[in-house]
Structures are given as structure tokens and as C-alpha cells.
Amino acid sequence: MLNIVLCDDNLSFLNGLEDMLYKLFVKLNLEANISFKTDCTSKLLEHIENNPVDALFLDITLKTKNDGLSIAEEIRKINKSLHLIFTTGHFEFVMEAYKFNTFDYLVKPISQDKLGETLLRLIDYLDNSNNRFIKINGTTFINQDDIHYIKKNGMKLVFHTKDNEYETYSSFSKIKNILPHDFVRCHKSFIANVANISHIEANTNTIFFNNSSKCYIGPRYKNDFMEVINVGNISNNLDSINYT
């Protein structure tokens, strides 16, 4: 799921951009959500600091104390990887905007066709670059940081995230080469993202995640899995391991 954020001091434009994006999500069959929209730059920075954000549509010429370029500089101190897309009615800022590792620059008024082109380029980039997104199928991408565990269910894999589940016809052998090192096989039917583990009940072989969801450790995989947890750097991410 792509988490997209919008910031513009023109509420009419902000609402119109939101409407166009949701129509394009449907048209392009894109798993995406506008997780936050605001005309307040302080609220924007607070949201980015405390929530996952994959793409940001940001107005350059904000009628606030700090313009969009100044805000972009602050954003890059917080999040260096989000895809920054500037929107403005002033083309003269384009060269200055790109120094913030800008993904795109859209000049107002923005047409749905032009916005669609930007989304398609973003999808293509996510599909072909070395980034933190995993392609599930078609135009469905999941930020690997959002995944808690992957379950094998017959000929399907089910990706369990904090808020959703995503199914695809695949197997562990097909996806093992695209998974980062945080994903560790813990059971014949489960792969766990150890970065999102809250705690482990070793006596019941149960792994709990940050949203109270859970998967299990199989006897065949227990020794290797617990060695990763106890010896590897990943152990620093755990709140506790309960051996009682």
C-alpha cells in the first residue's frame, strides 16, 4: 500500500487533487491511499516524522512563514527516501526544487492525464529500482517496512501488514531472492519480518507483532530462527523475549 500525503494552502486545489488521485487509483488498479492532507506545514512535518510516507505532493509557493522549498529541506532531514512531487503555478522554481531529490514537478493547473503519467512513472520506478517496495502483482506494491509476516496458504502467499492483507499466487521459493535480510523463515508456513516483532513467547513458539497479530515458530526452524534473534543485530528491535 502506497501512503500518499498532500500539502497545499489552497483548499480547493487540495480537495481537487485528492479527488483526481482517487479516481486514478481505481483506473490504474493501484493499491494506494491518501493517508494525510493538510494546509498546515507544522502538521505536515509532524505527520512525516511519526508516520510512514511514500510520496508527498507539496506546493512550492505556500502562503505561510516557510515556503515549500524550505519545508522540503526540513522534510529531507526527517525522511530521505519519500518521493517528493512539487506542485506550483510558477515554473521558475523548477531547477531549485530538484536539489531536494525531487521525483517530479507538476505545474498548475494539473490535468488528470499529467497526474496519471506521474503515477505511472512512480510505479515503474518502484518496479525497477532497488528500493523498499515489494511488488505483489500488477500495480500492487507494499512497503517492506509495513509487512509483519508472510503466510503460505496453498498456492497463495498472504502478506500481512499492520492494516491489510494481500494475496498473490506465488511461493516462498519465488520470493526469497527479493526479500531483505529482516525476513526470516520461522515455520514451514511463515516468514516473519523480525524488524516488526513486538515479543516472542518461546514456550508456545508464538511471535507477536506491533499490532498484536501473530504467527508461529516451527520446530524445524526454531534453532536457526532464535539464533538470528539472539545473536544478530535484529535482537535490538525486540521489546522482550518471554522464555517462561
C-alpha atoms as a PDB file:
ATOM      1  CA  MET A   1       0.000   0.000   0.000  1.00  0.00           C
ATOM      2  CA  LEU A   2       1.421   3.368  -1.062  1.00  0.00           C
ATOM      3  CA  ASN A   3       0.912   6.034   1.585  1.00  0.00           C
ATOM      4  CA  ILE A   4       0.497   9.410  -0.124  1.00  0.00           C
ATOM      5  CA  VAL A   5       0.376  12.807   1.606  1.00  0.00           C
ATOM      6  CA  LEU A   6      -0.849  16.134   0.182  1.00  0.00           C
ATOM      7  CA  CYS A   7       0.032  19.663   1.328  1.00  0.00           C
ATOM      8  CA  ASP A   8      -1.282  22.862  -0.244  1.00  0.00           C
ATOM      9  CA  ASP A   9      -2.632  26.105   1.242  1.00  0.00           C
ATOM     10  CA  ASN A  10      -5.369  26.271  -1.420  1.00  0.00           C
ATOM     11  CA  LEU A  11      -8.097  24.028  -0.018  1.00  0.00           C
ATOM     12  CA  SER A  12      -9.996  23.949  -3.311  1.00  0.00           C
ATOM     13  CA  PHE A  13      -6.897  22.670  -5.125  1.00  0.00           C
ATOM     14  CA  LEU A  14      -6.125  20.268  -2.270  1.00  0.00           C
ATOM     15  CA  ASN A  15      -9.570  18.658  -2.448  1.00  0.00           C
ATOM     16  CA  GLY A  16      -9.479  18.548  -6.249  1.00  0.00           C
ATOM     17  CA  LEU A  17      -6.069  16.846  -6.225  1.00  0.00           C
ATOM     18  CA  GLU A  18      -7.342  14.274  -3.741  1.00  0.00           C
ATOM     19  CA  ASP A  19     -10.354  13.537  -5.943  1.00  0.00           C
ATOM     20  CA  MET A  20      -8.217  13.133  -9.088  1.00  0.00           C
ATOM     21  CA  LEU A  21      -5.793  10.817  -7.312  1.00  0.00           C
ATOM     22  CA  TYR A  22      -8.501   8.505  -6.004  1.00  0.00           C
ATOM     23  CA  LYS A  23     -10.004   8.247  -9.494  1.00  0.00           C
ATOM     24  CA  LEU A  24      -6.567   7.337 -10.849  1.00  0.00           C
ATOM     25  CA  PHE A  25      -6.027   4.722  -8.123  1.00  0.00           C
ATOM     26  CA  VAL A  26      -9.145   2.964  -9.414  1.00  0.00           C
ATOM     27  CA  LYS A  27      -8.307   3.464 -13.095  1.00  0.00           C
ATOM     28  CA  LEU A  28      -4.733   2.198 -12.700  1.00  0.00           C
ATOM     29  CA  ASN A  29      -5.701  -0.552 -10.222  1.00  0.00           C
ATOM     30  CA  LEU A  30      -3.179   0.908  -7.813  1.00  0.00           C
ATOM     31  CA  GLU A  31      -3.066  -0.083  -4.134  1.00  0.00           C
ATOM     32  CA  ALA A  32      -2.632   3.411  -2.691  1.00  0.00           C
ATOM     33  CA  ASN A  33      -4.154   5.637  -0.063  1.00  0.00           C
ATOM     34  CA  ILE A  34      -4.062   9.339   0.769  1.00  0.00           C
ATOM     35  CA  SER A  35      -3.155   8.923   4.395  1.00  0.00           C
ATOM     36  CA  PHE A  36      -2.994  12.631   5.231  1.00  0.00           C
ATOM     37  CA  LYS A  37      -3.760  16.008   3.656  1.00  0.00           C
ATOM     38  CA  THR A  38      -3.197  19.416   5.180  1.00  0.00           C
ATOM     39  CA  ASP A  39      -2.692  23.129   4.557  1.00  0.00           C
ATOM     40  CA  CYS A  40      -0.528  23.411   7.690  1.00  0.00           C
ATOM     41  CA  THR A  41       3.236  22.860   7.317  1.00  0.00           C
ATOM     42  CA  SER A  42       3.815  22.169  11.027  1.00  0.00           C
ATOM     43  CA  LYS A  43       1.189  19.411  10.950  1.00  0.00           C
ATOM     44  CA  LEU A  44       2.804  18.077   7.764  1.00  0.00           C
ATOM     45  CA  LEU A  45       6.238  17.796   9.399  1.00  0.00           C
ATOM     46  CA  GLU A  46       4.736  16.173  12.481  1.00  0.00           C
ATOM     47  CA  HIS A  47       2.927  13.600  10.357  1.00  0.00           C
ATOM     48  CA  ILE A  48       6.027  12.758   8.316  1.00  0.00           C
ATOM     49  CA  GLU A  49       8.088  12.358  11.473  1.00  0.00           C
ATOM     50  CA  ASN A  50       5.622   9.923  13.046  1.00  0.00           C
ATOM     51  CA  ASN A  51       4.116   8.002  10.110  1.00  0.00           C
ATOM     52  CA  PRO A  52       5.229   6.095   7.002  1.00  0.00           C
ATOM     53  CA  VAL A  53       5.035   8.286   3.901  1.00  0.00           C
ATOM     54  CA  ASP A  54       5.917   7.012   0.433  1.00  0.00           C
ATOM     55  CA  ALA A  55       5.053  10.034  -1.722  1.00  0.00           C
ATOM     56  CA  LEU A  56       4.340  13.691  -0.959  1.00  0.00           C
ATOM     57  CA  PHE A  57       2.616  16.231  -3.215  1.00  0.00           C
ATOM     58  CA  LEU A  58       3.863  19.601  -1.920  1.00  0.00           C
ATOM     59  CA  ASP A  59       3.037  23.124  -3.098  1.00  0.00           C
ATOM     60  CA  ILE A  60       6.135  25.292  -3.548  1.00  0.00           C
ATOM     61  CA  THR A  61       4.523  28.716  -3.148  1.00  0.00           C
ATOM     62  CA  LEU A  62       2.815  28.233   0.204  1.00  0.00           C
ATOM     63  CA  LYS A  63       1.400  31.391   1.750  1.00  0.00           C
ATOM     64  CA  THR A  64       2.984  30.548   5.080  1.00  0.00           C
ATOM     65  CA  LYS A  65       6.065  31.565   7.054  1.00  0.00           C
ATOM     66  CA  ASN A  66       8.078  28.940   5.196  1.00  0.00           C
ATOM     67  CA  ASP A  67       7.634  28.165   1.510  1.00  0.00           C
ATOM     68  CA  GLY A  68       7.614  24.675   0.053  1.00  0.00           C
ATOM     69  CA  LEU A  69      11.341  24.667  -0.673  1.00  0.00           C
ATOM     70  CA  SER A  70      12.158  25.460   2.960  1.00  0.00           C
ATOM     71  CA  ILE A  71       9.740  22.760   4.085  1.00  0.00           C
ATOM     72  CA  ALA A  72      11.341  20.292   1.670  1.00  0.00           C
ATOM     73  CA  GLU A  73      14.700  20.967   3.293  1.00  0.00           C
ATOM     74  CA  GLU A  74      13.207  20.107   6.700  1.00  0.00           C
ATOM     75  CA  ILE A  75      11.496  17.019   5.277  1.00  0.00           C
ATOM     76  CA  ARG A  76      14.777  15.638   3.937  1.00  0.00           C
ATOM     77  CA  LYS A  77      16.224  15.813   7.441  1.00  0.00           C
ATOM     78  CA  ILE A  78      13.355  13.576   8.613  1.00  0.00           C
ATOM     79  CA  ASN A  79      12.785  11.302   5.620  1.00  0.00           C
ATOM     80  CA  LYS A  80      15.352  10.951   2.857  1.00  0.00           C
ATOM     81  CA  SER A  81      13.512   8.290   0.869  1.00  0.00           C
ATOM     82  CA  LEU A  82       9.963   9.585   0.296  1.00  0.00           C
ATOM     83  CA  HIS A  83       9.152  10.530  -3.288  1.00  0.00           C
ATOM     84  CA  LEU A  84       8.750  14.296  -3.409  1.00  0.00           C
ATOM     85  CA  ILE A  85       6.438  15.736  -6.068  1.00  0.00           C
ATOM     86  CA  PHE A  86       6.208  19.514  -6.181  1.00  0.00           C
ATOM     87  CA  THR A  87       3.101  21.313  -7.407  1.00  0.00           C
ATOM     88  CA  THR A  88       3.129  25.012  -8.318  1.00  0.00           C
ATOM     89  CA  GLY A  89       1.897  27.636 -10.712  1.00  0.00           C
ATOM     90  CA  HIS A  90       5.416  29.028 -11.096  1.00  0.00           C
ATOM     91  CA  PHE A  91       7.757  27.163 -13.433  1.00  0.00           C
ATOM     92  CA  GLU A  92      10.773  29.319 -12.465  1.00  0.00           C
ATOM     93  CA  PHE A  93      11.313  27.274  -9.266  1.00  0.00           C
ATOM     94  CA  VAL A  94      11.873  24.014 -11.125  1.00  0.00           C
ATOM     95  CA  MET A  95      15.698  23.973 -11.025  1.00  0.00           C
ATOM     96  CA  GLU A  96      15.878  24.884  -7.348  1.00  0.00           C
ATOM     97  CA  ALA A  97      13.259  22.272  -6.492  1.00  0.00           C
ATOM     98  CA  TYR A  98      15.260  19.385  -7.932  1.00  0.00           C
ATOM     99  CA  LYS A  99      18.106  19.815  -5.455  1.00  0.00           C
ATOM    100  CA  PHE A 100      15.859  18.109  -2.894  1.00  0.00           C
ATOM    101  CA  ASN A 101      15.948  14.849  -4.863  1.00  0.00           C
ATOM    102  CA  THR A 102      12.576  15.640  -6.401  1.00  0.00           C
ATOM    103  CA  PHE A 103      10.738  12.855  -8.194  1.00  0.00           C
ATOM    104  CA  ASP A 104       8.554  15.164 -10.323  1.00  0.00           C
ATOM    105  CA  TYR A 105       7.432  18.752 -10.754  1.00  0.00           C
ATOM    106  CA  LEU A 106       3.822  19.449 -11.768  1.00  0.00           C
ATOM    107  CA  VAL A 107       2.791  22.894 -12.979  1.00  0.00           C
ATOM    108  CA  LYS A 108      -0.735  24.018 -12.094  1.00  0.00           C
ATOM    109  CA  PRO A 109      -3.371  23.599 -13.363  1.00  0.00           C
ATOM    110  CA  ILE A 110      -2.669  19.861 -13.260  1.00  0.00           C
ATOM    111  CA  SER A 111      -4.606  17.656 -15.635  1.00  0.00           C
ATOM    112  CA  GLN A 112      -5.675  14.127 -14.763  1.00  0.00           C
ATOM    113  CA  ASP A 113      -3.643  12.831 -17.726  1.00  0.00           C
ATOM    114  CA  LYS A 114      -0.462  14.513 -16.480  1.00  0.00           C
ATOM    115  CA  LEU A 115      -1.083  13.305 -12.938  1.00  0.00           C
ATOM    116  CA  GLY A 116      -1.635   9.804 -14.281  1.00  0.00           C
ATOM    117  CA  GLU A 117       1.694   9.946 -16.119  1.00  0.00           C
ATOM    118  CA  THR A 118       3.441  10.834 -12.865  1.00  0.00           C
ATOM    119  CA  LEU A 119       1.804   7.929 -11.022  1.00  0.00           C
ATOM    120  CA  LEU A 120       2.746   5.508 -13.801  1.00  0.00           C
ATOM    121  CA  ARG A 121       6.358   6.705 -13.677  1.00  0.00           C
ATOM    122  CA  LEU A 122       6.319   6.213  -9.914  1.00  0.00           C
ATOM    123  CA  ILE A 123       5.002   2.667 -10.354  1.00  0.00           C
ATOM    124  CA  ASP A 124       7.659   1.959 -12.982  1.00  0.00           C
ATOM    125  CA  TYR A 125      10.365   3.334 -10.701  1.00  0.00           C
ATOM    126  CA  LEU A 126       9.227   1.189  -7.797  1.00  0.00           C
ATOM    127  CA  ASP A 127       9.140  -1.832 -10.100  1.00  0.00           C
ATOM    128  CA  ASN A 128      12.650  -1.376 -11.466  1.00  0.00           C
ATOM    129  CA  SER A 129      14.740   0.246  -8.762  1.00  0.00           C
ATOM    130  CA  ASN A 130      16.416  -1.016  -5.633  1.00  0.00           C
ATOM    131  CA  ASN A 131      14.033   0.339  -3.018  1.00  0.00           C
ATOM    132  CA  ARG A 132      11.970  -0.719  -0.028  1.00  0.00           C
ATOM    133  CA  PHE A 133       8.918  -1.803  -2.001  1.00  0.00           C
ATOM    134  CA  ILE A 134       7.946  -5.356  -2.844  1.00  0.00           C
ATOM    135  CA  LYS A 135       5.819  -5.955  -5.931  1.00  0.00           C
ATOM    136  CA  ILE A 136       2.949  -8.307  -5.168  1.00  0.00           C
ATOM    137  CA  ASN A 137       1.203  -8.360  -8.537  1.00  0.00           C
ATOM    138  CA  GLY A 138       0.317  -5.952 -11.329  1.00  0.00           C
ATOM    139  CA  THR A 139       0.487  -2.494  -9.808  1.00  0.00           C
ATOM    140  CA  THR A 140       0.326  -3.591  -6.168  1.00  0.00           C
ATOM    141  CA  PHE A 141       3.396  -2.611  -4.165  1.00  0.00           C
ATOM    142  CA  ILE A 142       3.898  -2.991  -0.426  1.00  0.00           C
ATOM    143  CA  ASN A 143       6.463  -1.133   1.603  1.00  0.00           C
ATOM    144  CA  GLN A 144       8.507  -3.924   3.167  1.00  0.00           C
ATOM    145  CA  ASP A 145       8.573  -1.973   6.453  1.00  0.00           C
ATOM    146  CA  ASP A 146       4.781  -2.409   6.708  1.00  0.00           C
ATOM    147  CA  ILE A 147       4.869  -6.209   6.393  1.00  0.00           C
ATOM    148  CA  HIS A 148       4.654  -8.214   9.626  1.00  0.00           C
ATOM    149  CA  TYR A 149       4.703 -11.720   8.209  1.00  0.00           C
ATOM    150  CA  ILE A 150       4.027 -13.739   5.071  1.00  0.00           C
ATOM    151  CA  LYS A 151       1.874 -16.853   5.249  1.00  0.00           C
ATOM    152  CA  LYS A 152       1.813 -19.701   2.757  1.00  0.00           C
ATOM    153  CA  ASN A 153      -1.783 -20.720   2.092  1.00  0.00           C
ATOM    154  CA  GLY A 154      -1.939 -23.452  -0.537  1.00  0.00           C
ATOM    155  CA  MET A 155      -0.776 -21.975  -3.842  1.00  0.00           C
ATOM    156  CA  LYS A 156      -1.085 -18.435  -2.491  1.00  0.00           C
ATOM    157  CA  LEU A 157       1.029 -16.203  -0.290  1.00  0.00           C
ATOM    158  CA  VAL A 158      -0.728 -13.830   2.102  1.00  0.00           C
ATOM    159  CA  PHE A 159       1.206 -10.694   3.072  1.00  0.00           C
ATOM    160  CA  HIS A 160       0.016  -9.493   6.481  1.00  0.00           C
ATOM    161  CA  THR A 161       0.627  -5.803   7.211  1.00  0.00           C
ATOM    162  CA  LYS A 162      -0.473  -3.607  10.090  1.00  0.00           C
ATOM    163  CA  ASP A 163      -3.801  -2.766   8.461  1.00  0.00           C
ATOM    164  CA  ASN A 164      -4.353  -5.106   5.498  1.00  0.00           C
ATOM    165  CA  GLU A 165      -3.795  -8.499   3.930  1.00  0.00           C
ATOM    166  CA  TYR A 166      -2.648  -9.007   0.325  1.00  0.00           C
ATOM    167  CA  GLU A 167      -2.887 -12.294  -1.564  1.00  0.00           C
ATOM    168  CA  THR A 168      -0.974 -13.429  -4.599  1.00  0.00           C
ATOM    169  CA  TYR A 169      -0.315 -16.733  -6.363  1.00  0.00           C
ATOM    170  CA  SER A 170       3.324 -17.409  -5.537  1.00  0.00           C
ATOM    171  CA  SER A 171       5.624 -19.441  -3.304  1.00  0.00           C
ATOM    172  CA  PHE A 172       8.391 -18.842  -0.783  1.00  0.00           C
ATOM    173  CA  SER A 173      10.968 -20.093  -3.271  1.00  0.00           C
ATOM    174  CA  LYS A 174       9.891 -17.483  -5.838  1.00  0.00           C
ATOM    175  CA  ILE A 175      10.078 -14.507  -3.473  1.00  0.00           C
ATOM    176  CA  LYS A 176      13.068 -15.420  -1.313  1.00  0.00           C
ATOM    177  CA  ASN A 177      15.526 -13.539  -3.517  1.00  0.00           C
ATOM    178  CA  ILE A 178      13.575 -10.268  -3.328  1.00  0.00           C
ATOM    179  CA  LEU A 179      13.131 -10.259   0.439  1.00  0.00           C
ATOM    180  CA  PRO A 180      15.592  -8.253   2.564  1.00  0.00           C
ATOM    181  CA  HIS A 181      17.556  -9.804   5.422  1.00  0.00           C
ATOM    182  CA  ASP A 182      14.944  -8.817   8.025  1.00  0.00           C
ATOM    183  CA  PHE A 183      12.608 -11.514   6.633  1.00  0.00           C
ATOM    184  CA  VAL A 184      13.427 -14.868   8.234  1.00  0.00           C
ATOM    185  CA  ARG A 185      11.754 -18.248   7.750  1.00  0.00           C
ATOM    186  CA  CYS A 186      10.326 -19.319  11.110  1.00  0.00           C
ATOM    187  CA  HIS A 187       7.873 -22.057  10.104  1.00  0.00           C
ATOM    188  CA  LYS A 188       7.034 -24.155   7.065  1.00  0.00           C
ATOM    189  CA  SER A 189       4.080 -21.767   6.545  1.00  0.00           C
ATOM    190  CA  PHE A 190       5.502 -18.458   7.816  1.00  0.00           C
ATOM    191  CA  ILE A 191       8.207 -15.907   7.083  1.00  0.00           C
ATOM    192  CA  ALA A 192       8.496 -13.211   9.755  1.00  0.00           C
ATOM    193  CA  ASN A 193       9.717  -9.643   9.409  1.00  0.00           C
ATOM    194  CA  VAL A 194      11.818  -9.580  12.566  1.00  0.00           C
ATOM    195  CA  ALA A 195      12.036  -5.782  12.461  1.00  0.00           C
ATOM    196  CA  ASN A 196       8.345  -5.608  13.404  1.00  0.00           C
ATOM    197  CA  ILE A 197       8.323  -8.218  16.166  1.00  0.00           C
ATOM    198  CA  SER A 198       6.994  -6.946  19.488  1.00  0.00           C
ATOM    199  CA  HIS A 199       7.814 -10.010  21.576  1.00  0.00           C
ATOM    200  CA  ILE A 200       8.165 -13.773  21.428  1.00  0.00           C
ATOM    201  CA  GLU A 201       6.643 -16.385  23.725  1.00  0.00           C
ATOM    202  CA  ALA A 202       9.192 -19.143  23.339  1.00  0.00           C
ATOM    203  CA  ASN A 203       7.242 -21.616  25.456  1.00  0.00           C
ATOM    204  CA  THR A 204       4.333 -21.508  22.975  1.00  0.00           C
ATOM    205  CA  ASN A 205       6.526 -20.773  19.930  1.00  0.00           C
ATOM    206  CA  THR A 206       4.429 -17.677  19.191  1.00  0.00           C
ATOM    207  CA  ILE A 207       5.677 -14.466  17.566  1.00  0.00           C
ATOM    208  CA  PHE A 208       3.729 -11.285  18.286  1.00  0.00           C
ATOM    209  CA  PHE A 209       3.912  -8.131  16.187  1.00  0.00           C
ATOM    210  CA  ASN A 210       3.312  -4.454  16.871  1.00  0.00           C
ATOM    211  CA  ASN A 211      -0.427  -4.653  16.111  1.00  0.00           C
ATOM    212  CA  SER A 212      -0.943  -7.807  18.249  1.00  0.00           C
ATOM    213  CA  SER A 213      -1.105 -10.093  15.207  1.00  0.00           C
ATOM    214  CA  LYS A 214       0.877 -13.308  15.489  1.00  0.00           C
ATOM    215  CA  CYS A 215       2.480 -16.192  13.665  1.00  0.00           C
ATOM    216  CA  TYR A 216       4.333 -19.268  14.857  1.00  0.00           C
ATOM    217  CA  ILE A 217       7.772 -20.868  15.071  1.00  0.00           C
ATOM    218  CA  GLY A 218       8.022 -24.416  13.738  1.00  0.00           C
ATOM    219  CA  PRO A 219      10.302 -26.994  15.423  1.00  0.00           C
ATOM    220  CA  ARG A 220      12.354 -27.459  12.254  1.00  0.00           C
ATOM    221  CA  TYR A 221      13.155 -23.736  12.096  1.00  0.00           C
ATOM    222  CA  LYS A 222      13.293 -22.812  15.795  1.00  0.00           C
ATOM    223  CA  ASN A 223      17.032 -23.111  16.458  1.00  0.00           C
ATOM    224  CA  ASP A 224      18.082 -21.116  13.396  1.00  0.00           C
ATOM    225  CA  PHE A 225      15.369 -18.517  13.934  1.00  0.00           C
ATOM    226  CA  MET A 226      16.190 -17.961  17.614  1.00  0.00           C
ATOM    227  CA  GLU A 227      19.885 -17.732  16.745  1.00  0.00           C
ATOM    228  CA  VAL A 228      19.064 -14.855  14.404  1.00  0.00           C
ATOM    229  CA  ILE A 229      17.012 -13.200  17.146  1.00  0.00           C
ATOM    230  CA  ASN A 230      19.541 -13.686  19.947  1.00  0.00           C
ATOM    231  CA  VAL A 231      22.847 -13.265  18.117  1.00  0.00           C
ATOM    232  CA  GLY A 232      22.082 -10.947  15.238  1.00  0.00           C
ATOM    233  CA  ASN A 233      21.696  -7.167  15.389  1.00  0.00           C
ATOM    234  CA  ILE A 234      17.965  -7.679  14.923  1.00  0.00           C
ATOM    235  CA  SER A 235      17.602  -8.556  18.609  1.00  0.00           C
ATOM    236  CA  ASN A 236      17.816  -4.852  19.410  1.00  0.00           C
ATOM    237  CA  ASN A 237      14.396  -4.356  17.811  1.00  0.00           C
ATOM    238  CA  LEU A 238      12.595  -6.632  20.285  1.00  0.00           C
ATOM    239  CA  ASP A 239      10.840  -5.376  23.403  1.00  0.00           C
ATOM    240  CA  SER A 240      11.126  -8.760  25.107  1.00  0.00           C
ATOM    241  CA  ILE A 241      11.519 -12.477  24.658  1.00  0.00           C
ATOM    242  CA  ASN A 242       9.499 -14.418  27.196  1.00  0.00           C
ATOM    243  CA  TYR A 243      11.022 -17.821  27.956  1.00  0.00           C
ATOM    244  CA  THR A 244       8.779 -18.618  30.904  1.00  0.00           C
END
